[in-house]
Each structure stands twice: as C-alpha cells, then as structure tokens.
Amino acid sequence: MSESLSLFTRLRRFLTTGLVCLALDVLVATLLASGAGVDLRVSQIIGYGAGLSLAYVIHTVWTFNDRYTPFSATNAGRFFAIAGVILAARLGILQLLIWSSAASIAPAFALFLLAAGLAQVLNLMLLDRLLFRQ
C-alpha cells in the first residue's frame, strides 16, 4: 500500500474525478432528454450509469489508491450499493425540482447539474467513511 494521502489531496482528486464524471453524466443525460426526448428521470439514470462506471475506475486507481484494494468484488459491490443510494438521492432531488415548477423555467441541463451537485456532498461522505477507509 502506498503512503497515505492528505485530506486535501483526496478532496482535490475527488473533485477532479467528480467533474470529469459529472461532465460525462450530464452530457449523456442532456443529449437523451433534449436531443432524443427521453424522460428526465430515465435520462438521469442512464447518464448517471455512464459517469458512475468511469468514476469507479478512476477512484480505484487514483483518487483513493492509498486506502483501497483495487477492483475487489466486495469493494465493487459496496461502491455500487453506495451509488444506488446516491442515485436515489439525485432522483429525489430531481423530482422535487420537477414538482416545484423549476422544470418549466430551467433547462434540463440546469436541473441535472443541481441534482448532481447536491447529491455529491452525500457521495463524498459515504465513499470516504464507508468504502475508502483505512
């Protein structure tokens, strides 16, 4: 195992990884919703899956590489279980935005970004405390 990373380094890596994966996530969701007419919630799930797959690989080999055994089946299961919680949170936030009439005044892109951003706070806490722990 490599030398332990500082909290600042882990946070910087998490944010960098998150931005890259969020870009993929929101791009896929927006193209599906705006370009193909797919329902916002379905677009969110598909976009999240695309970003999530990339995030698993990057977090494993770079973000938390000092605290994690790469690519074990147990940790992959935990990662995707946490991801399910985060997806539920994102969909809940998105549904609240739809019910609040935000969908009528904001583009899908903005709704996806807001839901994703709020859910990422929970994501960092769960990943750091439940999965990528020493």
N, C-alpha and C. Protein backbone atom coordinates (compact mmCIF):
# COMPACT_ATOMS: atom_id res chain seq x y z
N MET A 1 0.85 -1.18 0.00
CA MET A 1 0.00 0.00 0.00
C MET A 1 0.89 1.23 0.00
N SER A 2 0.50 2.24 -0.75
CA SER A 2 1.30 3.45 -0.85
C SER A 2 1.10 4.33 0.38
N GLU A 3 1.90 5.38 0.44
CA GLU A 3 1.83 6.32 1.55
C GLU A 3 0.46 6.99 1.59
N SER A 4 -0.02 7.26 2.80
CA SER A 4 -1.34 7.84 2.98
C SER A 4 -1.40 9.26 2.39
N LEU A 5 -2.47 9.54 1.68
CA LEU A 5 -2.67 10.85 1.08
C LEU A 5 -3.31 11.80 2.09
N SER A 6 -2.99 13.07 1.97
CA SER A 6 -3.60 14.06 2.85
C SER A 6 -5.07 14.24 2.46
N LEU A 7 -5.85 14.76 3.39
CA LEU A 7 -7.26 15.02 3.14
C LEU A 7 -7.41 15.99 1.96
N PHE A 8 -6.56 17.00 1.89
CA PHE A 8 -6.61 17.96 0.79
C PHE A 8 -6.37 17.28 -0.55
N THR A 9 -5.40 16.39 -0.61
CA THR A 9 -5.09 15.68 -1.86
C THR A 9 -6.26 14.79 -2.26
N ARG A 10 -6.84 14.06 -1.30
CA ARG A 10 -8.00 13.21 -1.59
C ARG A 10 -9.18 14.06 -2.09
N LEU A 11 -9.41 15.19 -1.42
CA LEU A 11 -10.52 16.06 -1.81
C LEU A 11 -10.29 16.62 -3.22
N ARG A 12 -9.08 17.04 -3.51
CA ARG A 12 -8.76 17.57 -4.84
C ARG A 12 -8.96 16.50 -5.91
N ARG A 13 -8.50 15.30 -5.63
CA ARG A 13 -8.68 14.19 -6.57
C ARG A 13 -10.15 13.83 -6.73
N PHE A 14 -10.89 13.83 -5.62
CA PHE A 14 -12.31 13.52 -5.67
C PHE A 14 -13.05 14.55 -6.53
N LEU A 15 -12.74 15.82 -6.33
CA LEU A 15 -13.41 16.87 -7.09
C LEU A 15 -13.05 16.80 -8.58
N THR A 16 -11.79 16.54 -8.87
CA THR A 16 -11.35 16.41 -10.27
C THR A 16 -12.06 15.24 -10.94
N THR A 17 -12.06 14.10 -10.26
CA THR A 17 -12.74 12.92 -10.79
C THR A 17 -14.23 13.20 -10.94
N GLY A 18 -14.79 13.82 -9.93
CA GLY A 18 -16.22 14.12 -9.96
C GLY A 18 -16.60 15.03 -11.11
N LEU A 19 -15.77 16.03 -11.39
CA LEU A 19 -16.07 16.94 -12.50
C LEU A 19 -16.01 16.23 -13.85
N VAL A 20 -15.00 15.38 -14.02
CA VAL A 20 -14.89 14.63 -15.28
C VAL A 20 -16.10 13.71 -15.46
N CYS A 21 -16.43 12.99 -14.41
CA CYS A 21 -17.55 12.04 -14.49
C CYS A 21 -18.89 12.77 -14.58
N LEU A 22 -19.00 13.90 -13.89
CA LEU A 22 -20.23 14.69 -13.97
C LEU A 22 -20.42 15.23 -15.39
N ALA A 23 -19.34 15.63 -16.04
CA ALA A 23 -19.44 16.12 -17.41
C ALA A 23 -20.01 15.02 -18.32
N LEU A 24 -19.49 13.81 -18.17
CA LEU A 24 -20.00 12.69 -18.97
C LEU A 24 -21.46 12.42 -18.62
N ASP A 25 -21.76 12.36 -17.35
CA ASP A 25 -23.10 12.10 -16.83
C ASP A 25 -24.11 13.10 -17.40
N VAL A 26 -23.84 14.39 -17.24
CA VAL A 26 -24.77 15.43 -17.66
C VAL A 26 -24.86 15.51 -19.18
N LEU A 27 -23.75 15.30 -19.86
CA LEU A 27 -23.77 15.30 -21.32
C LEU A 27 -24.69 14.20 -21.86
N VAL A 28 -24.52 12.99 -21.34
CA VAL A 28 -25.36 11.88 -21.79
C VAL A 28 -26.82 12.15 -21.44
N ALA A 29 -27.09 12.57 -20.20
CA ALA A 29 -28.47 12.83 -19.79
C ALA A 29 -29.11 13.95 -20.61
N THR A 30 -28.37 15.01 -20.85
CA THR A 30 -28.91 16.14 -21.61
C THR A 30 -29.18 15.76 -23.06
N LEU A 31 -28.25 15.03 -23.66
CA LEU A 31 -28.46 14.59 -25.05
C LEU A 31 -29.70 13.70 -25.16
N LEU A 32 -29.87 12.82 -24.19
CA LEU A 32 -31.04 11.94 -24.21
C LEU A 32 -32.34 12.72 -24.01
N ALA A 33 -32.32 13.63 -23.02
CA ALA A 33 -33.55 14.37 -22.70
C ALA A 33 -33.88 15.42 -23.76
N SER A 34 -32.90 16.22 -24.11
CA SER A 34 -33.15 17.32 -25.04
C SER A 34 -33.08 16.89 -26.49
N GLY A 35 -32.17 15.99 -26.80
CA GLY A 35 -31.98 15.58 -28.19
C GLY A 35 -32.88 14.45 -28.62
N ALA A 36 -33.15 13.51 -27.71
CA ALA A 36 -33.93 12.33 -28.09
C ALA A 36 -35.31 12.28 -27.45
N GLY A 37 -35.61 13.26 -26.58
CA GLY A 37 -36.93 13.31 -25.97
C GLY A 37 -37.18 12.27 -24.89
N VAL A 38 -36.12 11.70 -24.34
CA VAL A 38 -36.26 10.70 -23.28
C VAL A 38 -36.67 11.42 -21.98
N ASP A 39 -37.51 10.79 -21.18
CA ASP A 39 -37.96 11.35 -19.90
C ASP A 39 -36.76 11.78 -19.05
N LEU A 40 -36.91 12.89 -18.32
CA LEU A 40 -35.82 13.42 -17.50
C LEU A 40 -35.27 12.39 -16.51
N ARG A 41 -36.16 11.65 -15.86
CA ARG A 41 -35.71 10.68 -14.86
C ARG A 41 -34.94 9.53 -15.50
N VAL A 42 -35.42 9.05 -16.64
CA VAL A 42 -34.73 7.96 -17.35
C VAL A 42 -33.38 8.45 -17.86
N SER A 43 -33.35 9.66 -18.39
CA SER A 43 -32.09 10.26 -18.85
C SER A 43 -31.09 10.37 -17.71
N GLN A 44 -31.59 10.76 -16.53
CA GLN A 44 -30.73 10.90 -15.36
C GLN A 44 -30.12 9.55 -14.98
N ILE A 45 -30.89 8.51 -15.01
CA ILE A 45 -30.39 7.17 -14.65
C ILE A 45 -29.32 6.71 -15.64
N ILE A 46 -29.57 6.88 -16.92
CA ILE A 46 -28.61 6.43 -17.93
C ILE A 46 -27.32 7.26 -17.86
N GLY A 47 -27.45 8.57 -17.74
CA GLY A 47 -26.29 9.43 -17.63
C GLY A 47 -25.48 9.11 -16.38
N TYR A 48 -26.18 8.89 -15.28
CA TYR A 48 -25.51 8.54 -14.02
C TYR A 48 -24.73 7.23 -14.17
N GLY A 49 -25.31 6.27 -14.84
CA GLY A 49 -24.63 4.99 -15.06
C GLY A 49 -23.34 5.16 -15.85
N ALA A 50 -23.37 6.02 -16.85
CA ALA A 50 -22.16 6.27 -17.65
C ALA A 50 -21.07 6.92 -16.80
N GLY A 51 -21.44 7.95 -16.06
CA GLY A 51 -20.47 8.62 -15.20
C GLY A 51 -19.99 7.73 -14.07
N LEU A 52 -20.87 6.94 -13.53
CA LEU A 52 -20.55 6.04 -12.42
C LEU A 52 -19.51 5.00 -12.82
N SER A 53 -19.68 4.44 -13.99
CA SER A 53 -18.72 3.43 -14.45
C SER A 53 -17.32 4.01 -14.56
N LEU A 54 -17.23 5.20 -15.10
CA LEU A 54 -15.93 5.87 -15.19
C LEU A 54 -15.40 6.22 -13.80
N ALA A 55 -16.27 6.68 -12.92
CA ALA A 55 -15.85 7.06 -11.56
C ALA A 55 -15.27 5.88 -10.79
N TYR A 56 -15.87 4.71 -10.94
CA TYR A 56 -15.37 3.53 -10.22
C TYR A 56 -13.91 3.26 -10.57
N VAL A 57 -13.61 3.31 -11.84
CA VAL A 57 -12.25 3.05 -12.29
C VAL A 57 -11.29 4.13 -11.79
N ILE A 58 -11.65 5.39 -11.96
CA ILE A 58 -10.75 6.49 -11.56
C ILE A 58 -10.56 6.52 -10.05
N HIS A 59 -11.64 6.37 -9.28
CA HIS A 59 -11.50 6.38 -7.82
C HIS A 59 -10.61 5.22 -7.35
N THR A 60 -10.76 4.08 -7.98
CA THR A 60 -9.99 2.91 -7.56
C THR A 60 -8.50 3.08 -7.83
N VAL A 61 -8.16 3.56 -9.00
CA VAL A 61 -6.74 3.62 -9.37
C VAL A 61 -6.06 4.94 -9.03
N TRP A 62 -6.84 5.99 -8.69
CA TRP A 62 -6.20 7.28 -8.47
C TRP A 62 -6.68 8.01 -7.22
N THR A 63 -7.98 8.28 -7.12
CA THR A 63 -8.49 9.14 -6.04
C THR A 63 -8.16 8.60 -4.65
N PHE A 64 -8.50 7.34 -4.42
CA PHE A 64 -8.32 6.74 -3.10
C PHE A 64 -7.32 5.59 -3.14
N ASN A 65 -6.37 5.63 -4.03
CA ASN A 65 -5.48 4.48 -4.22
C ASN A 65 -4.63 4.15 -3.00
N ASP A 66 -4.51 5.07 -2.07
CA ASP A 66 -3.73 4.80 -0.86
C ASP A 66 -4.54 4.03 0.19
N ARG A 67 -5.83 3.90 0.01
CA ARG A 67 -6.70 3.33 1.04
C ARG A 67 -7.54 2.16 0.55
N TYR A 68 -7.25 1.60 -0.58
CA TYR A 68 -8.19 0.70 -1.22
C TYR A 68 -7.47 -0.43 -1.93
N THR A 69 -8.04 -1.62 -1.87
CA THR A 69 -7.53 -2.74 -2.64
C THR A 69 -8.23 -2.70 -4.00
N PRO A 70 -7.49 -2.46 -5.05
CA PRO A 70 -8.12 -2.24 -6.36
C PRO A 70 -8.97 -3.41 -6.84
N PHE A 71 -10.14 -3.07 -7.33
CA PHE A 71 -11.02 -3.96 -8.08
C PHE A 71 -11.39 -5.26 -7.38
N SER A 72 -11.59 -5.26 -6.07
CA SER A 72 -12.09 -6.46 -5.41
C SER A 72 -13.61 -6.53 -5.60
N ALA A 73 -14.13 -7.72 -5.65
CA ALA A 73 -15.57 -7.90 -5.84
C ALA A 73 -16.36 -7.30 -4.67
N THR A 74 -15.83 -7.45 -3.46
CA THR A 74 -16.51 -6.91 -2.28
C THR A 74 -16.61 -5.40 -2.35
N ASN A 75 -15.48 -4.76 -2.67
CA ASN A 75 -15.49 -3.30 -2.73
C ASN A 75 -16.29 -2.79 -3.92
N ALA A 76 -16.29 -3.51 -5.02
CA ALA A 76 -17.12 -3.11 -6.16
C ALA A 76 -18.59 -3.16 -5.76
N GLY A 77 -18.98 -4.21 -5.03
CA GLY A 77 -20.35 -4.31 -4.56
C GLY A 77 -20.73 -3.16 -3.65
N ARG A 78 -19.82 -2.81 -2.75
CA ARG A 78 -20.07 -1.67 -1.85
C ARG A 78 -20.17 -0.36 -2.63
N PHE A 79 -19.26 -0.19 -3.59
CA PHE A 79 -19.26 1.03 -4.40
C PHE A 79 -20.60 1.20 -5.11
N PHE A 80 -21.08 0.13 -5.74
CA PHE A 80 -22.33 0.23 -6.48
C PHE A 80 -23.55 0.31 -5.56
N ALA A 81 -23.47 -0.23 -4.35
CA ALA A 81 -24.55 -0.07 -3.38
C ALA A 81 -24.65 1.39 -2.94
N ILE A 82 -23.49 2.00 -2.66
CA ILE A 82 -23.47 3.43 -2.32
C ILE A 82 -23.99 4.24 -3.50
N ALA A 83 -23.60 3.85 -4.70
CA ALA A 83 -24.07 4.55 -5.90
C ALA A 83 -25.59 4.49 -6.01
N GLY A 84 -26.18 3.38 -5.61
CA GLY A 84 -27.63 3.27 -5.62
C GLY A 84 -28.28 4.28 -4.68
N VAL A 85 -27.68 4.47 -3.51
CA VAL A 85 -28.19 5.46 -2.56
C VAL A 85 -28.08 6.86 -3.16
N ILE A 86 -26.95 7.14 -3.80
CA ILE A 86 -26.74 8.45 -4.39
C ILE A 86 -27.71 8.67 -5.55
N LEU A 87 -27.93 7.66 -6.37
CA LEU A 87 -28.89 7.79 -7.47
C LEU A 87 -30.29 8.08 -6.92
N ALA A 88 -30.67 7.38 -5.86
CA ALA A 88 -31.98 7.64 -5.26
C ALA A 88 -32.07 9.08 -4.76
N ALA A 89 -31.01 9.58 -4.16
CA ALA A 89 -30.99 10.97 -3.70
C ALA A 89 -31.11 11.94 -4.88
N ARG A 90 -30.37 11.66 -5.94
CA ARG A 90 -30.42 12.53 -7.13
C ARG A 90 -31.81 12.53 -7.75
N LEU A 91 -32.40 11.34 -7.88
CA LEU A 91 -33.74 11.27 -8.46
C LEU A 91 -34.77 11.97 -7.57
N GLY A 92 -34.59 11.84 -6.26
CA GLY A 92 -35.48 12.54 -5.33
C GLY A 92 -35.37 14.05 -5.47
N ILE A 93 -34.15 14.54 -5.56
CA ILE A 93 -33.92 15.98 -5.75
C ILE A 93 -34.50 16.43 -7.09
N LEU A 94 -34.25 15.64 -8.14
CA LEU A 94 -34.79 15.98 -9.47
C LEU A 94 -36.31 16.02 -9.44
N GLN A 95 -36.93 15.04 -8.78
CA GLN A 95 -38.40 15.03 -8.70
C GLN A 95 -38.91 16.25 -7.94
N LEU A 96 -38.23 16.63 -6.86
CA LEU A 96 -38.63 17.84 -6.13
C LEU A 96 -38.55 19.07 -7.03
N LEU A 97 -37.51 19.14 -7.84
CA LEU A 97 -37.37 20.26 -8.77
C LEU A 97 -38.49 20.26 -9.82
N ILE A 98 -38.85 19.08 -10.29
CA ILE A 98 -39.94 18.98 -11.27
C ILE A 98 -41.25 19.42 -10.62
N TRP A 99 -41.51 18.96 -9.41
CA TRP A 99 -42.75 19.33 -8.71
C TRP A 99 -42.79 20.82 -8.37
N SER A 100 -41.63 21.42 -8.17
CA SER A 100 -41.58 22.83 -7.79
C SER A 100 -41.74 23.77 -8.98
N SER A 101 -41.97 23.24 -10.13
CA SER A 101 -42.11 24.01 -11.37
C SER A 101 -40.78 24.52 -11.91
N ALA A 102 -39.67 24.11 -11.31
CA ALA A 102 -38.37 24.52 -11.83
C ALA A 102 -38.16 24.01 -13.24
N ALA A 103 -38.76 22.87 -13.56
CA ALA A 103 -38.60 22.29 -14.89
C ALA A 103 -39.20 23.18 -15.97
N SER A 104 -40.17 24.01 -15.60
CA SER A 104 -40.78 24.88 -16.60
C SER A 104 -39.97 26.14 -16.85
N ILE A 105 -39.06 26.49 -15.93
CA ILE A 105 -38.27 27.71 -16.11
C ILE A 105 -36.78 27.45 -16.31
N ALA A 106 -36.33 26.25 -16.00
CA ALA A 106 -34.90 25.94 -16.13
C ALA A 106 -34.71 24.83 -17.16
N PRO A 107 -33.64 24.90 -17.93
CA PRO A 107 -33.38 23.81 -18.88
C PRO A 107 -33.00 22.52 -18.15
N ALA A 108 -33.17 21.40 -18.84
CA ALA A 108 -32.84 20.10 -18.25
C ALA A 108 -31.40 20.08 -17.74
N PHE A 109 -30.50 20.69 -18.48
CA PHE A 109 -29.09 20.74 -18.09
C PHE A 109 -28.93 21.31 -16.67
N ALA A 110 -29.61 22.41 -16.38
CA ALA A 110 -29.51 23.05 -15.07
C ALA A 110 -30.09 22.16 -13.97
N LEU A 111 -31.19 21.48 -14.27
CA LEU A 111 -31.80 20.58 -13.28
C LEU A 111 -30.88 19.41 -12.97
N PHE A 112 -30.26 18.84 -14.00
CA PHE A 112 -29.33 17.73 -13.80
C PHE A 112 -28.14 18.17 -12.97
N LEU A 113 -27.59 19.34 -13.27
CA LEU A 113 -26.43 19.85 -12.52
C LEU A 113 -26.76 20.09 -11.06
N LEU A 114 -27.90 20.69 -10.78
CA LEU A 114 -28.28 20.98 -9.41
C LEU A 114 -28.50 19.68 -8.62
N ALA A 115 -29.22 18.74 -9.19
CA ALA A 115 -29.46 17.47 -8.51
C ALA A 115 -28.15 16.72 -8.27
N ALA A 116 -27.28 16.70 -9.27
CA ALA A 116 -25.99 16.01 -9.14
C ALA A 116 -25.10 16.67 -8.10
N GLY A 117 -25.04 17.98 -8.13
CA GLY A 117 -24.19 18.70 -7.18
C GLY A 117 -24.59 18.48 -5.74
N LEU A 118 -25.88 18.54 -5.47
CA LEU A 118 -26.35 18.32 -4.10
C LEU A 118 -26.09 16.89 -3.65
N ALA A 119 -26.27 15.94 -4.53
CA ALA A 119 -26.04 14.54 -4.17
C ALA A 119 -24.56 14.22 -3.96
N GLN A 120 -23.66 14.99 -4.58
CA GLN A 120 -22.23 14.73 -4.44
C GLN A 120 -21.72 14.95 -3.02
N VAL A 121 -22.35 15.83 -2.28
CA VAL A 121 -21.96 16.04 -0.88
C VAL A 121 -22.14 14.73 -0.11
N LEU A 122 -23.29 14.10 -0.28
CA LEU A 122 -23.56 12.81 0.35
C LEU A 122 -22.61 11.74 -0.18
N ASN A 123 -22.34 11.77 -1.47
CA ASN A 123 -21.44 10.79 -2.09
C ASN A 123 -20.05 10.81 -1.46
N LEU A 124 -19.47 11.99 -1.31
CA LEU A 124 -18.14 12.09 -0.72
C LEU A 124 -18.14 11.53 0.70
N MET A 125 -19.14 11.88 1.48
CA MET A 125 -19.19 11.40 2.86
C MET A 125 -19.30 9.87 2.91
N LEU A 126 -20.16 9.30 2.10
CA LEU A 126 -20.34 7.85 2.12
C LEU A 126 -19.12 7.11 1.60
N LEU A 127 -18.55 7.57 0.50
CA LEU A 127 -17.36 6.89 -0.03
C LEU A 127 -16.19 6.97 0.94
N ASP A 128 -15.98 8.14 1.51
CA ASP A 128 -14.84 8.33 2.42
C ASP A 128 -15.00 7.53 3.71
N ARG A 129 -16.22 7.45 4.24
CA ARG A 129 -16.43 6.80 5.53
C ARG A 129 -16.75 5.32 5.44
N LEU A 130 -17.41 4.88 4.36
CA LEU A 130 -17.87 3.50 4.30
C LEU A 130 -17.05 2.61 3.37
N LEU A 131 -16.40 3.18 2.39
CA LEU A 131 -15.69 2.35 1.42
C LEU A 131 -14.20 2.59 1.43
N PHE A 132 -13.78 3.80 1.18
CA PHE A 132 -12.35 4.10 1.06
C PHE A 132 -11.80 4.55 2.41
N ARG A 133 -11.90 3.66 3.38
CA ARG A 133 -11.42 3.97 4.73
C ARG A 133 -10.16 3.16 5.01
N GLN A 134 -9.41 3.64 5.96
CA GLN A 134 -8.17 2.92 6.30
C GLN A 134 -8.45 1.88 7.35
